[in-house]
């Protein structure tokens, strides 16, 4: 199988071939009359219902709408880790603490 990467595609080759190491999750608020499909239970999800947005490795172009209960169940099962749980914490550099002045 050959994977061809289009130069104008919004997802990287890595995103197409590997599963995400971590996820971002946030509460979704949508007032448009739309219906989504939960990626976990595959049931319909009305946009006006209480739900969350999940994004693999923070890539909002690949975000998905999911039932809150389904996302919590995936978290509890260990299949939806946060970045802090997978990567070591990054050292924060404050602009005013530079030593090269």
Protein backbone atom coordinates (compact mmCIF):
# COMPACT_ATOMS: atom_id res chain seq x y z
CA UNK A 1 0.00 0.00 0.00
CA UNK A 2 1.40 3.38 -1.00
CA UNK A 3 0.43 6.52 0.86
CA UNK A 4 0.62 9.65 -1.26
CA UNK A 5 0.80 12.93 0.64
CA UNK A 6 -0.78 15.84 -1.18
CA UNK A 7 1.21 19.07 -0.64
CA UNK A 8 -1.93 21.04 0.20
CA UNK A 9 -3.37 18.55 2.66
CA UNK A 10 -3.95 19.85 6.17
CA UNK A 11 -2.83 16.66 7.92
CA UNK A 12 0.72 15.41 8.04
CA UNK A 13 1.91 11.99 6.87
CA UNK A 14 2.49 11.04 10.51
CA UNK A 15 -1.13 11.88 11.30
CA UNK A 16 -2.30 9.51 8.59
CA UNK A 17 -0.12 6.56 9.57
CA UNK A 18 0.12 6.65 13.38
CA UNK A 19 -2.37 6.88 16.18
CA UNK A 20 -2.12 10.02 18.35
CA UNK A 21 0.00 9.90 21.51
CA UNK A 22 -2.19 12.43 23.38
CA UNK A 23 -5.46 14.33 23.07
CA UNK A 24 -6.93 17.68 23.99
CA UNK A 25 -10.47 17.70 25.29
CA UNK A 26 -12.71 20.70 25.83
CA UNK A 27 -16.37 21.37 26.38
CA UNK A 28 -18.26 22.05 23.14
CA UNK A 29 -20.89 24.70 22.69
CA UNK A 30 -22.66 24.81 19.39
CA UNK A 31 -25.87 26.56 18.47
CA UNK A 32 -26.10 25.50 14.85
CA UNK A 33 -28.62 22.82 13.88
CA UNK A 34 -26.16 20.01 13.17
CA UNK A 35 -25.86 16.37 14.08
CA UNK A 36 -22.54 14.60 14.62
CA UNK A 37 -21.60 10.97 15.18
CA UNK A 38 -19.71 10.09 18.36
CA UNK A 39 -16.40 8.39 17.44
CA UNK A 40 -16.66 6.07 20.46
CA UNK A 41 -20.23 4.73 20.48
CA UNK A 42 -21.09 5.69 16.87
CA UNK A 43 -24.46 7.04 17.97
CA UNK A 44 -25.89 10.35 16.75
CA UNK A 45 -24.99 13.46 18.70
CA UNK A 46 -27.14 16.59 18.34
CA UNK A 47 -25.05 19.77 18.41
CA UNK A 48 -27.28 21.36 21.05
CA UNK A 49 -26.70 18.51 23.51
CA UNK A 50 -23.99 18.53 26.17
CA UNK A 51 -20.81 17.16 24.57
CA UNK A 52 -17.05 17.64 24.18
CA UNK A 53 -14.56 18.25 21.39
CA UNK A 54 -11.56 15.96 21.22
CA UNK A 55 -8.49 16.76 19.11
CA UNK A 56 -5.57 14.39 18.51
CA UNK A 57 -2.32 16.03 19.63
CA UNK A 58 -4.06 19.41 19.65
CA UNK A 59 -4.74 19.31 15.89
CA UNK A 60 -8.05 21.14 15.64
CA UNK A 61 -8.36 20.33 11.94
CA UNK A 62 -8.96 16.70 13.04
CA UNK A 63 -11.27 17.47 15.97
CA UNK A 64 -14.29 15.28 16.65
CA UNK A 65 -17.47 15.79 18.66
CA UNK A 66 -18.14 13.14 21.29
CA UNK A 67 -20.63 12.44 24.07
CA UNK A 68 -19.23 13.63 27.40
CA UNK A 69 -19.94 10.22 28.97
CA UNK A 70 -18.15 8.39 26.14
CA UNK A 71 -15.07 10.61 26.40
CA UNK A 72 -14.99 10.12 30.19
CA UNK A 73 -15.24 6.34 29.74
CA UNK A 74 -12.33 6.41 27.25
CA UNK A 75 -10.27 8.51 29.68
CA UNK A 76 -11.02 6.10 32.52
CA UNK A 77 -9.97 3.17 30.31
CA UNK A 78 -6.69 4.94 29.51
CA UNK A 79 -7.36 5.35 25.78
CA UNK A 80 -7.55 9.16 25.78
CA UNK A 81 -4.40 10.47 27.52
CA UNK A 82 -3.63 14.16 27.97
CA UNK A 83 -0.32 15.65 26.84
CA UNK A 84 0.87 16.03 30.44
CA UNK A 85 0.45 12.28 30.95
CA UNK A 86 2.58 11.34 27.93
CA UNK A 87 5.28 13.98 27.55
CA UNK A 88 7.57 15.36 30.23
CA UNK A 89 6.68 18.89 31.33
CA UNK A 90 8.33 21.56 29.25
CA UNK A 91 10.50 24.10 30.97
CA UNK A 92 8.89 27.51 30.76
CA UNK A 93 11.10 30.43 29.82
CA UNK A 94 9.91 33.83 30.83
CA UNK A 95 11.02 36.68 28.55
CA UNK A 96 12.18 38.79 31.49
CA UNK A 97 14.37 36.03 32.93
CA UNK A 98 16.88 35.92 30.09
CA UNK A 99 20.47 35.81 31.18
CA UNK A 100 21.87 37.09 27.90
CA UNK A 101 21.24 40.76 28.69
